[in-house]
Amino acid sequence: MVRRHLSAAPNGRGQRGATLLEVLVTLLIVSFGLFGLVGLQARLQSSEMESYQRSQALILLNDMASRIEINRRMASSYVTTAPLGAGATCPTATATRLQVDVKEWCNALQGAAETSSGTKLGAMIGGRGCVQDLGNNEYLITVAWQGLVPIAAPPEGVPCGKDLYDAAAPASASEPAPACSSDRCRRTVTTLVRIGNLS
Protein backbone atom coordinates (compact mmCIF):
# COMPACT_ATOMS: atom_id res chain seq x y z
CA MET A 1 0.00 0.00 0.00
CA VAL A 2 1.37 3.33 -1.03
CA ARG A 3 0.76 6.30 1.15
CA ARG A 4 0.77 9.71 -0.28
CA HIS A 5 1.62 12.66 1.80
CA LEU A 6 -0.24 15.88 1.00
CA SER A 7 2.01 18.81 1.52
CA ALA A 8 0.79 22.16 2.70
CA ALA A 9 1.00 25.31 0.65
CA PRO A 10 4.53 26.59 0.14
CA ASN A 11 4.14 29.25 2.81
CA GLY A 12 2.89 26.71 5.29
CA ARG A 13 -0.75 27.79 5.29
CA GLY A 14 -3.68 26.50 3.16
CA GLN A 15 -5.92 28.96 1.34
CA ARG A 16 -9.10 29.58 3.26
CA GLY A 17 -12.06 31.72 2.12
CA ALA A 18 -12.09 34.36 -0.59
CA THR A 19 -9.86 37.35 -0.90
CA LEU A 20 -11.23 40.85 -0.71
CA LEU A 21 -10.58 41.32 -4.43
CA GLU A 22 -12.72 38.30 -5.32
CA VAL A 23 -15.55 39.61 -3.14
CA LEU A 24 -15.40 43.03 -4.83
CA VAL A 25 -15.46 41.49 -8.33
CA THR A 26 -18.45 39.35 -7.33
CA LEU A 27 -20.30 42.40 -5.97
CA LEU A 28 -19.56 44.30 -9.18
CA ILE A 29 -20.95 41.50 -11.36
CA VAL A 30 -24.06 41.16 -9.17
CA SER A 31 -24.67 44.93 -9.24
CA PHE A 32 -24.50 45.00 -13.07
CA GLY A 33 -27.02 42.17 -13.15
CA LEU A 34 -29.35 44.05 -10.80
CA PHE A 35 -29.10 47.24 -12.87
CA GLY A 36 -30.03 45.18 -15.92
CA LEU A 37 -33.07 43.81 -14.12
CA VAL A 38 -34.17 47.32 -13.11
CA GLY A 39 -33.92 48.48 -16.75
CA LEU A 40 -35.85 45.43 -17.93
CA GLN A 41 -38.58 46.09 -15.34
CA ALA A 42 -38.92 49.71 -16.52
CA ARG A 43 -39.28 48.58 -20.14
CA LEU A 44 -41.86 45.98 -19.15
CA GLN A 45 -43.93 48.60 -17.32
CA SER A 46 -43.75 50.92 -20.33
CA SER A 47 -44.83 48.08 -22.63
CA GLU A 48 -47.67 47.17 -20.30
CA MET A 49 -48.92 50.77 -20.26
CA GLU A 50 -48.75 50.99 -24.06
CA SER A 51 -50.81 47.76 -24.31
CA TYR A 52 -53.35 49.03 -21.81
CA GLN A 53 -53.77 52.30 -23.71
CA ARG A 54 -54.20 50.47 -27.04
CA SER A 55 -56.88 48.20 -25.57
CA GLN A 56 -58.74 51.21 -24.14
CA ALA A 57 -58.53 52.95 -27.54
CA LEU A 58 -59.93 49.88 -29.31
CA ILE A 59 -62.86 49.76 -26.89
CA LEU A 60 -63.68 53.43 -27.56
CA LEU A 61 -63.21 52.95 -31.29
CA ASN A 62 -65.67 50.05 -31.40
CA ASP A 63 -68.05 52.00 -29.18
CA MET A 64 -68.38 54.84 -31.69
CA ALA A 65 -68.55 52.44 -34.66
CA SER A 66 -71.50 50.70 -32.97
CA ARG A 67 -73.21 54.00 -32.23
CA ILE A 68 -72.97 55.08 -35.88
CA GLU A 69 -74.21 51.71 -37.15
CA ILE A 70 -77.21 51.84 -34.81
CA ASN A 71 -78.09 55.41 -35.79
CA ARG A 72 -77.18 54.93 -39.48
CA ARG A 73 -79.69 57.46 -40.83
CA MET A 74 -77.78 60.20 -39.00
CA ALA A 75 -74.29 58.84 -39.79
CA SER A 76 -73.15 61.97 -41.60
CA SER A 77 -74.00 64.07 -38.53
CA TYR A 78 -71.35 62.21 -36.47
CA VAL A 79 -68.53 63.71 -38.56
CA THR A 80 -66.26 65.88 -36.38
CA THR A 81 -64.66 69.17 -37.41
CA ALA A 82 -62.18 69.04 -34.51
CA PRO A 83 -61.09 66.12 -32.32
CA LEU A 84 -63.30 65.29 -29.35
CA GLY A 85 -61.78 64.36 -26.01
CA ALA A 86 -58.64 65.82 -24.44
CA GLY A 87 -58.53 69.59 -24.60
CA ALA A 88 -62.09 69.85 -25.93
CA THR A 89 -65.23 70.97 -24.17
CA CYS A 90 -67.68 68.09 -24.41
CA PRO A 91 -71.21 68.92 -25.56
CA THR A 92 -73.93 68.78 -22.93
CA ALA A 93 -77.09 68.49 -25.06
CA THR A 94 -79.00 65.21 -24.77
CA ALA A 95 -82.18 65.87 -26.78
CA THR A 96 -81.40 63.40 -29.59
CA ARG A 97 -79.66 60.04 -29.89
CA LEU A 98 -76.85 61.76 -31.84
CA GLN A 99 -76.27 64.34 -29.10
CA VAL A 100 -76.18 61.65 -26.40
CA ASP A 101 -73.70 59.58 -28.42
CA VAL A 102 -71.33 62.49 -29.04
CA LYS A 103 -71.51 63.64 -25.41
CA GLU A 104 -70.86 60.15 -24.02
CA TRP A 105 -68.02 59.42 -26.46
CA CYS A 106 -66.32 62.74 -25.71
CA ASN A 107 -66.56 62.11 -21.96
CA ALA A 108 -65.25 58.56 -22.38
CA LEU A 109 -62.27 59.86 -24.40
CA GLN A 110 -61.51 62.21 -21.52
CA GLY A 111 -61.56 59.28 -19.09
CA ALA A 112 -64.93 59.74 -17.35
CA ALA A 113 -65.25 55.98 -16.82
CA GLU A 114 -62.95 56.21 -13.79
CA THR A 115 -62.25 59.24 -11.62
CA SER A 116 -60.08 59.91 -8.59
CA SER A 117 -60.46 63.14 -6.60
CA GLY A 118 -62.31 64.71 -9.52
CA THR A 119 -59.62 63.79 -12.05
CA LYS A 120 -60.68 61.61 -14.99
CA LEU A 121 -58.37 58.59 -15.29
CA GLY A 122 -60.35 55.98 -17.21
CA ALA A 123 -58.87 56.34 -20.70
CA MET A 124 -55.64 56.82 -22.58
CA ILE A 125 -53.27 59.73 -22.01
CA GLY A 126 -54.59 62.62 -24.11
CA GLY A 127 -57.33 60.55 -25.76
CA ARG A 128 -58.95 62.17 -28.78
CA GLY A 129 -61.49 60.89 -31.30
CA CYS A 130 -62.44 61.89 -34.83
CA VAL A 131 -65.00 60.80 -37.41
CA GLN A 132 -64.23 61.57 -41.09
CA ASP A 133 -66.58 61.30 -44.05
CA LEU A 134 -64.75 59.48 -46.86
CA GLY A 135 -67.70 59.67 -49.24
CA ASN A 136 -69.83 56.81 -50.61
CA ASN A 137 -71.37 56.30 -47.15
CA GLU A 138 -67.96 55.40 -45.65
CA TYR A 139 -66.79 56.89 -42.35
CA LEU A 140 -63.30 56.61 -40.86
CA ILE A 141 -63.30 56.58 -37.08
CA THR A 142 -59.99 57.31 -35.35
CA VAL A 143 -58.88 57.32 -31.73
CA ALA A 144 -55.53 59.00 -31.00
CA TRP A 145 -53.52 59.17 -27.77
CA GLN A 146 -50.10 59.98 -26.31
CA GLY A 147 -47.54 57.18 -26.54
CA LEU A 148 -44.78 56.84 -23.95
CA VAL A 149 -41.81 56.46 -26.30
CA PRO A 150 -41.25 57.78 -29.83
CA ILE A 151 -41.78 55.40 -32.76
CA ALA A 152 -42.89 56.02 -36.34
CA ALA A 153 -45.58 58.64 -36.99
CA PRO A 154 -49.03 57.43 -38.11
CA PRO A 155 -49.85 57.59 -41.85
CA GLU A 156 -50.71 60.96 -43.42
CA GLY A 157 -54.25 59.72 -44.14
CA VAL A 158 -54.96 59.66 -40.39
CA PRO A 159 -55.01 63.33 -39.36
CA CYS A 160 -56.79 62.96 -35.99
CA GLY A 161 -54.65 64.65 -33.32
CA LYS A 162 -51.86 65.49 -35.76
CA ASP A 163 -49.11 67.60 -34.12
CA LEU A 164 -50.95 67.61 -30.77
CA TYR A 165 -48.64 65.06 -29.13
CA ASP A 166 -45.22 66.61 -29.77
CA ALA A 167 -43.06 67.91 -26.93
CA ALA A 168 -42.35 71.62 -26.72
CA ALA A 169 -39.74 72.89 -29.14
CA PRO A 170 -36.27 73.58 -27.67
CA ALA A 171 -35.66 77.15 -26.50
CA SER A 172 -32.39 77.43 -28.43
CA ALA A 173 -30.64 75.72 -31.32
CA SER A 174 -28.01 74.29 -28.97
CA GLU A 175 -30.62 72.20 -27.10
CA PRO A 176 -31.37 68.71 -28.42
CA ALA A 177 -34.65 68.08 -30.22
CA PRO A 178 -37.37 66.67 -27.97
CA ALA A 179 -37.89 62.90 -28.05
CA CYS A 180 -41.53 63.28 -29.07
CA SER A 181 -41.22 65.30 -32.26
CA SER A 182 -42.60 64.91 -35.77
CA ASP A 183 -45.69 63.12 -34.43
CA ARG A 184 -43.67 60.07 -33.34
CA CYS A 185 -45.48 59.81 -29.98
CA ARG A 186 -48.97 59.98 -31.48
CA ARG A 187 -50.66 56.57 -31.45
CA THR A 188 -53.80 55.92 -33.48
CA VAL A 189 -56.26 53.14 -34.19
CA THR A 190 -58.84 53.39 -36.95
CA THR A 191 -61.84 51.53 -38.28
CA LEU A 192 -64.03 52.01 -41.31
CA VAL A 193 -67.82 52.03 -41.06
CA ARG A 194 -69.77 51.46 -44.27
CA ILE A 195 -73.43 52.35 -44.27
CA GLY A 196 -75.37 50.29 -46.82
CA ASN A 197 -77.86 51.98 -49.09
CA LEU A 198 -80.98 49.86 -48.57
CA SER A 199 -83.40 51.96 -50.62
C-alpha atoms as a PDB file:
ATOM      1  CA  MET A   1       0.000   0.000   0.000  1.00  0.00           C
ATOM      2  CA  VAL A   2       1.374   3.330  -1.034  1.00  0.00           C
ATOM      3  CA  ARG A   3       0.756   6.296   1.150  1.00  0.00           C
ATOM      4  CA  ARG A   4       0.767   9.713  -0.284  1.00  0.00           C
ATOM      5  CA  HIS A   5       1.618  12.658   1.797  1.00  0.00           C
ATOM      6  CA  LEU A   6      -0.237  15.880   1.005  1.00  0.00           C
ATOM      7  CA  SER A   7       2.014  18.813   1.516  1.00  0.00           C
ATOM      8  CA  ALA A   8       0.787  22.164   2.701  1.00  0.00           C
ATOM      9  CA  ALA A   9       0.995  25.308   0.650  1.00  0.00           C
ATOM     10  CA  PRO A  10       4.532  26.595   0.143  1.00  0.00           C
ATOM     11  CA  ASN A  11       4.137  29.246   2.813  1.00  0.00           C
ATOM     12  CA  GLY A  12       2.891  26.705   5.291  1.00  0.00           C
ATOM     13  CA  ARG A  13      -0.748  27.788   5.292  1.00  0.00           C
ATOM     14  CA  GLY A  14      -3.676  26.500   3.160  1.00  0.00           C
ATOM     15  CA  GLN A  15      -5.919  28.964   1.337  1.00  0.00           C
ATOM     16  CA  ARG A  16      -9.103  29.581   3.257  1.00  0.00           C
ATOM     17  CA  GLY A  17     -12.055  31.721   2.124  1.00  0.00           C
ATOM     18  CA  ALA A  18     -12.093  34.357  -0.591  1.00  0.00           C
ATOM     19  CA  THR A  19      -9.861  37.354  -0.902  1.00  0.00           C
ATOM     20  CA  LEU A  20     -11.234  40.851  -0.713  1.00  0.00           C
ATOM     21  CA  LEU A  21     -10.581  41.320  -4.434  1.00  0.00           C
ATOM     22  CA  GLU A  22     -12.717  38.298  -5.323  1.00  0.00           C
ATOM     23  CA  VAL A  23     -15.547  39.606  -3.144  1.00  0.00           C
ATOM     24  CA  LEU A  24     -15.403  43.027  -4.834  1.00  0.00           C
ATOM     25  CA  VAL A  25     -15.462  41.493  -8.329  1.00  0.00           C
ATOM     26  CA  THR A  26     -18.454  39.347  -7.335  1.00  0.00           C
ATOM     27  CA  LEU A  27     -20.300  42.400  -5.974  1.00  0.00           C
ATOM     28  CA  LEU A  28     -19.560  44.302  -9.178  1.00  0.00           C
ATOM     29  CA  ILE A  29     -20.953  41.498 -11.358  1.00  0.00           C
ATOM     30  CA  VAL A  30     -24.065  41.164  -9.172  1.00  0.00           C
ATOM     31  CA  SER A  31     -24.667  44.926  -9.244  1.00  0.00           C
ATOM     32  CA  PHE A  32     -24.503  45.003 -13.071  1.00  0.00           C
ATOM     33  CA  GLY A  33     -27.019  42.172 -13.148  1.00  0.00           C
ATOM     34  CA  LEU A  34     -29.353  44.046 -10.801  1.00  0.00           C
ATOM     35  CA  PHE A  35     -29.096  47.235 -12.872  1.00  0.00           C
ATOM     36  CA  GLY A  36     -30.027  45.181 -15.923  1.00  0.00           C
ATOM     37  CA  LEU A  37     -33.073  43.814 -14.121  1.00  0.00           C
ATOM     38  CA  VAL A  38     -34.170  47.322 -13.114  1.00  0.00           C
ATOM     39  CA  GLY A  39     -33.920  48.481 -16.754  1.00  0.00           C
ATOM     40  CA  LEU A  40     -35.852  45.434 -17.933  1.00  0.00           C
ATOM     41  CA  GLN A  41     -38.578  46.090 -15.343  1.00  0.00           C
ATOM     42  CA  ALA A  42     -38.916  49.709 -16.521  1.00  0.00           C
ATOM     43  CA  ARG A  43     -39.277  48.578 -20.138  1.00  0.00           C
ATOM     44  CA  LEU A  44     -41.858  45.978 -19.151  1.00  0.00           C
ATOM     45  CA  GLN A  45     -43.926  48.597 -17.323  1.00  0.00           C
ATOM     46  CA  SER A  46     -43.754  50.921 -20.327  1.00  0.00           C
ATOM     47  CA  SER A  47     -44.827  48.079 -22.628  1.00  0.00           C
ATOM     48  CA  GLU A  48     -47.669  47.171 -20.298  1.00  0.00           C
ATOM     49  CA  MET A  49     -48.920  50.773 -20.257  1.00  0.00           C
ATOM     50  CA  GLU A  50     -48.754  50.985 -24.063  1.00  0.00           C
ATOM     51  CA  SER A  51     -50.805  47.764 -24.310  1.00  0.00           C
ATOM     52  CA  TYR A  52     -53.350  49.034 -21.807  1.00  0.00           C
ATOM     53  CA  GLN A  53     -53.774  52.298 -23.711  1.00  0.00           C
ATOM     54  CA  ARG A  54     -54.196  50.468 -27.037  1.00  0.00           C
ATOM     55  CA  SER A  55     -56.884  48.199 -25.572  1.00  0.00           C
ATOM     56  CA  GLN A  56     -58.737  51.208 -24.141  1.00  0.00           C
ATOM     57  CA  ALA A  57     -58.531  52.948 -27.538  1.00  0.00           C
ATOM     58  CA  LEU A  58     -59.932  49.880 -29.313  1.00  0.00           C
ATOM     59  CA  ILE A  59     -62.864  49.759 -26.893  1.00  0.00           C
ATOM     60  CA  LEU A  60     -63.680  53.429 -27.555  1.00  0.00           C
ATOM     61  CA  LEU A  61     -63.208  52.946 -31.289  1.00  0.00           C
ATOM     62  CA  ASN A  62     -65.671  50.053 -31.400  1.00  0.00           C
ATOM     63  CA  ASP A  63     -68.054  52.003 -29.178  1.00  0.00           C
ATOM     64  CA  MET A  64     -68.380  54.840 -31.692  1.00  0.00           C
ATOM     65  CA  ALA A  65     -68.553  52.438 -34.658  1.00  0.00           C
ATOM     66  CA  SER A  66     -71.499  50.699 -32.973  1.00  0.00           C
ATOM     67  CA  ARG A  67     -73.208  54.002 -32.228  1.00  0.00           C
ATOM     68  CA  ILE A  68     -72.966  55.078 -35.876  1.00  0.00           C
ATOM     69  CA  GLU A  69     -74.210  51.707 -37.149  1.00  0.00           C
ATOM     70  CA  ILE A  70     -77.208  51.842 -34.806  1.00  0.00           C
ATOM     71  CA  ASN A  71     -78.092  55.412 -35.793  1.00  0.00           C
ATOM     72  CA  ARG A  72     -77.183  54.925 -39.481  1.00  0.00           C
ATOM     73  CA  ARG A  73     -79.690  57.457 -40.829  1.00  0.00           C
ATOM     74  CA  MET A  74     -77.782  60.195 -39.001  1.00  0.00           C
ATOM     75  CA  ALA A  75     -74.290  58.840 -39.789  1.00  0.00           C
ATOM     76  CA  SER A  76     -73.152  61.973 -41.603  1.00  0.00           C
ATOM     77  CA  SER A  77     -73.996  64.067 -38.528  1.00  0.00           C
ATOM     78  CA  TYR A  78     -71.354  62.213 -36.467  1.00  0.00           C
ATOM     79  CA  VAL A  79     -68.529  63.715 -38.557  1.00  0.00           C
ATOM     80  CA  THR A  80     -66.265  65.876 -36.377  1.00  0.00           C
ATOM     81  CA  THR A  81     -64.665  69.169 -37.410  1.00  0.00           C
ATOM     82  CA  ALA A  82     -62.182  69.043 -34.511  1.00  0.00           C
ATOM     83  CA  PRO A  83     -61.088  66.124 -32.318  1.00  0.00           C
ATOM     84  CA  LEU A  84     -63.300  65.295 -29.352  1.00  0.00           C
ATOM     85  CA  GLY A  85     -61.784  64.362 -26.006  1.00  0.00           C
ATOM     86  CA  ALA A  86     -58.636  65.822 -24.437  1.00  0.00           C
ATOM     87  CA  GLY A  87     -58.534  69.595 -24.600  1.00  0.00           C
ATOM     88  CA  ALA A  88     -62.087  69.852 -25.932  1.00  0.00           C
ATOM     89  CA  THR A  89     -65.232  70.967 -24.172  1.00  0.00           C
ATOM     90  CA  CYS A  90     -67.682  68.093 -24.407  1.00  0.00           C
ATOM     91  CA  PRO A  91     -71.211  68.923 -25.556  1.00  0.00           C
ATOM     92  CA  THR A  92     -73.931  68.782 -22.926  1.00  0.00           C
ATOM     93  CA  ALA A  93     -77.087  68.493 -25.056  1.00  0.00           C
ATOM     94  CA  THR A  94     -78.999  65.211 -24.773  1.00  0.00           C
ATOM     95  CA  ALA A  95     -82.177  65.868 -26.777  1.00  0.00           C
ATOM     96  CA  THR A  96     -81.400  63.402 -29.590  1.00  0.00           C
ATOM     97  CA  ARG A  97     -79.664  60.042 -29.889  1.00  0.00           C
ATOM     98  CA  LEU A  98     -76.851  61.760 -31.839  1.00  0.00           C
ATOM     99  CA  GLN A  99     -76.269  64.343 -29.104  1.00  0.00           C
ATOM    100  CA  VAL A 100     -76.178  61.649 -26.396  1.00  0.00           C
ATOM    101  CA  ASP A 101     -73.701  59.577 -28.421  1.00  0.00           C
ATOM    102  CA  VAL A 102     -71.334  62.490 -29.043  1.00  0.00           C
ATOM    103  CA  LYS A 103     -71.512  63.645 -25.407  1.00  0.00           C
ATOM    104  CA  GLU A 104     -70.864  60.155 -24.019  1.00  0.00           C
ATOM    105  CA  TRP A 105     -68.021  59.416 -26.460  1.00  0.00           C
ATOM    106  CA  CYS A 106     -66.322  62.743 -25.713  1.00  0.00           C
ATOM    107  CA  ASN A 107     -66.555  62.114 -21.960  1.00  0.00           C
ATOM    108  CA  ALA A 108     -65.251  58.557 -22.385  1.00  0.00           C
ATOM    109  CA  LEU A 109     -62.273  59.859 -24.399  1.00  0.00           C
ATOM    110  CA  GLN A 110     -61.510  62.212 -21.518  1.00  0.00           C
ATOM    111  CA  GLY A 111     -61.563  59.285 -19.086  1.00  0.00           C
ATOM    112  CA  ALA A 112     -64.927  59.744 -17.355  1.00  0.00           C
ATOM    113  CA  ALA A 113     -65.248  55.975 -16.820  1.00  0.00           C
ATOM    114  CA  GLU A 114     -62.952  56.210 -13.786  1.00  0.00           C
ATOM    115  CA  THR A 115     -62.250  59.238 -11.617  1.00  0.00           C
ATOM    116  CA  SER A 116     -60.077  59.913  -8.587  1.00  0.00           C
ATOM    117  CA  SER A 117     -60.463  63.138  -6.604  1.00  0.00           C
ATOM    118  CA  GLY A 118     -62.313  64.711  -9.515  1.00  0.00           C
ATOM    119  CA  THR A 119     -59.620  63.787 -12.051  1.00  0.00           C
ATOM    120  CA  LYS A 120     -60.684  61.609 -14.990  1.00  0.00           C
ATOM    121  CA  LEU A 121     -58.367  58.588 -15.294  1.00  0.00           C
ATOM    122  CA  GLY A 122     -60.348  55.978 -17.208  1.00  0.00           C
ATOM    123  CA  ALA A 123     -58.870  56.337 -20.702  1.00  0.00           C
ATOM    124  CA  MET A 124     -55.637  56.816 -22.584  1.00  0.00           C
ATOM    125  CA  ILE A 125     -53.267  59.733 -22.013  1.00  0.00           C
ATOM    126  CA  GLY A 126     -54.593  62.622 -24.109  1.00  0.00           C
ATOM    127  CA  GLY A 127     -57.329  60.546 -25.758  1.00  0.00           C
ATOM    128  CA  ARG A 128     -58.954  62.175 -28.784  1.00  0.00           C
ATOM    129  CA  GLY A 129     -61.488  60.887 -31.296  1.00  0.00           C
ATOM    130  CA  CYS A 130     -62.442  61.889 -34.831  1.00  0.00           C
ATOM    131  CA  VAL A 131     -64.999  60.799 -37.411  1.00  0.00           C
ATOM    132  CA  GLN A 132     -64.229  61.565 -41.087  1.00  0.00           C
ATOM    133  CA  ASP A 133     -66.584  61.300 -44.053  1.00  0.00           C
ATOM    134  CA  LEU A 134     -64.749  59.480 -46.863  1.00  0.00           C
ATOM    135  CA  GLY A 135     -67.701  59.673 -49.244  1.00  0.00           C
ATOM    136  CA  ASN A 136     -69.835  56.809 -50.613  1.00  0.00           C
ATOM    137  CA  ASN A 137     -71.368  56.297 -47.154  1.00  0.00           C
ATOM    138  CA  GLU A 138     -67.963  55.404 -45.651  1.00  0.00           C
ATOM    139  CA  TYR A 139     -66.789  56.886 -42.349  1.00  0.00           C
ATOM    140  CA  LEU A 140     -63.297  56.610 -40.862  1.00  0.00           C
ATOM    141  CA  ILE A 141     -63.305  56.580 -37.075  1.00  0.00           C
ATOM    142  CA  THR A 142     -59.986  57.307 -35.349  1.00  0.00           C
ATOM    143  CA  VAL A 143     -58.885  57.323 -31.729  1.00  0.00           C
ATOM    144  CA  ALA A 144     -55.532  58.998 -30.998  1.00  0.00           C
ATOM    145  CA  TRP A 145     -53.522  59.166 -27.771  1.00  0.00           C
ATOM    146  CA  GLN A 146     -50.104  59.980 -26.310  1.00  0.00           C
ATOM    147  CA  GLY A 147     -47.539  57.185 -26.538  1.00  0.00           C
ATOM    148  CA  LEU A 148     -44.779  56.838 -23.950  1.00  0.00           C
ATOM    149  CA  VAL A 149     -41.811  56.460 -26.299  1.00  0.00           C
ATOM    150  CA  PRO A 150     -41.248  57.776 -29.833  1.00  0.00           C
ATOM    151  CA  ILE A 151     -41.779  55.402 -32.758  1.00  0.00           C
ATOM    152  CA  ALA A 152     -42.892  56.019 -36.344  1.00  0.00           C
ATOM    153  CA  ALA A 153     -45.580  58.636 -36.990  1.00  0.00           C
ATOM    154  CA  PRO A 154     -49.033  57.426 -38.111  1.00  0.00           C
ATOM    155  CA  PRO A 155     -49.849  57.595 -41.853  1.00  0.00           C
ATOM    156  CA  GLU A 156     -50.711  60.958 -43.418  1.00  0.00           C
ATOM    157  CA  GLY A 157     -54.251  59.718 -44.145  1.00  0.00           C
ATOM    158  CA  VAL A 158     -54.964  59.658 -40.391  1.00  0.00           C
ATOM    159  CA  PRO A 159     -55.007  63.329 -39.359  1.00  0.00           C
ATOM    160  CA  CYS A 160     -56.788  62.957 -35.986  1.00  0.00           C
ATOM    161  CA  GLY A 161     -54.649  64.646 -33.316  1.00  0.00           C
ATOM    162  CA  LYS A 162     -51.856  65.490 -35.758  1.00  0.00           C
ATOM    163  CA  ASP A 163     -49.112  67.597 -34.119  1.00  0.00           C
ATOM    164  CA  LEU A 164     -50.947  67.607 -30.771  1.00  0.00           C
ATOM    165  CA  TYR A 165     -48.641  65.064 -29.130  1.00  0.00           C
ATOM    166  CA  ASP A 166     -45.217  66.612 -29.772  1.00  0.00           C
ATOM    167  CA  ALA A 167     -43.059  67.909 -26.931  1.00  0.00           C
ATOM    168  CA  ALA A 168     -42.345  71.621 -26.721  1.00  0.00           C
ATOM    169  CA  ALA A 169     -39.739  72.894 -29.141  1.00  0.00           C
ATOM    170  CA  PRO A 170     -36.272  73.578 -27.673  1.00  0.00           C
ATOM    171  CA  ALA A 171     -35.663  77.150 -26.503  1.00  0.00           C
ATOM    172  CA  SER A 172     -32.394  77.431 -28.433  1.00  0.00           C
ATOM    173  CA  ALA A 173     -30.641  75.716 -31.323  1.00  0.00           C
ATOM    174  CA  SER A 174     -28.011  74.286 -28.966  1.00  0.00           C
ATOM    175  CA  GLU A 175     -30.619  72.197 -27.100  1.00  0.00           C
ATOM    176  CA  PRO A 176     -31.366  68.713 -28.415  1.00  0.00           C
ATOM    177  CA  ALA A 177     -34.646  68.081 -30.217  1.00  0.00           C
ATOM    178  CA  PRO A 178     -37.374  66.667 -27.971  1.00  0.00           C
ATOM    179  CA  ALA A 179     -37.887  62.904 -28.052  1.00  0.00           C
ATOM    180  CA  CYS A 180     -41.532  63.279 -29.073  1.00  0.00           C
ATOM    181  CA  SER A 181     -41.219  65.301 -32.259  1.00  0.00           C
ATOM    182  CA  SER A 182     -42.602  64.906 -35.773  1.00  0.00           C
ATOM    183  CA  ASP A 183     -45.694  63.122 -34.432  1.00  0.00           C
ATOM    184  CA  ARG A 184     -43.669  60.073 -33.336  1.00  0.00           C
ATOM    185  CA  CYS A 185     -45.481  59.812 -29.979  1.00  0.00           C
ATOM    186  CA  ARG A 186     -48.973  59.979 -31.475  1.00  0.00           C
ATOM    187  CA  ARG A 187     -50.662  56.568 -31.452  1.00  0.00           C
ATOM    188  CA  THR A 188     -53.804  55.916 -33.481  1.00  0.00           C
ATOM    189  CA  VAL A 189     -56.264  53.136 -34.189  1.00  0.00           C
ATOM    190  CA  THR A 190     -58.840  53.390 -36.947  1.00  0.00           C
ATOM    191  CA  THR A 191     -61.839  51.532 -38.283  1.00  0.00           C
ATOM    192  CA  LEU A 192     -64.025  52.009 -41.313  1.00  0.00           C
ATOM    193  CA  VAL A 193     -67.825  52.027 -41.056  1.00  0.00           C
ATOM    194  CA  ARG A 194     -69.773  51.457 -44.271  1.00  0.00           C
ATOM    195  CA  ILE A 195     -73.430  52.351 -44.273  1.00  0.00           C
ATOM    196  CA  GLY A 196     -75.369  50.289 -46.825  1.00  0.00           C
ATOM    197  CA  ASN A 197     -77.864  51.978 -49.094  1.00  0.00           C
ATOM    198  CA  LEU A 198     -80.977  49.858 -48.575  1.00  0.00           C
ATOM    199  CA  SER A 199     -83.400  51.960 -50.623  1.00  0.00           C
END
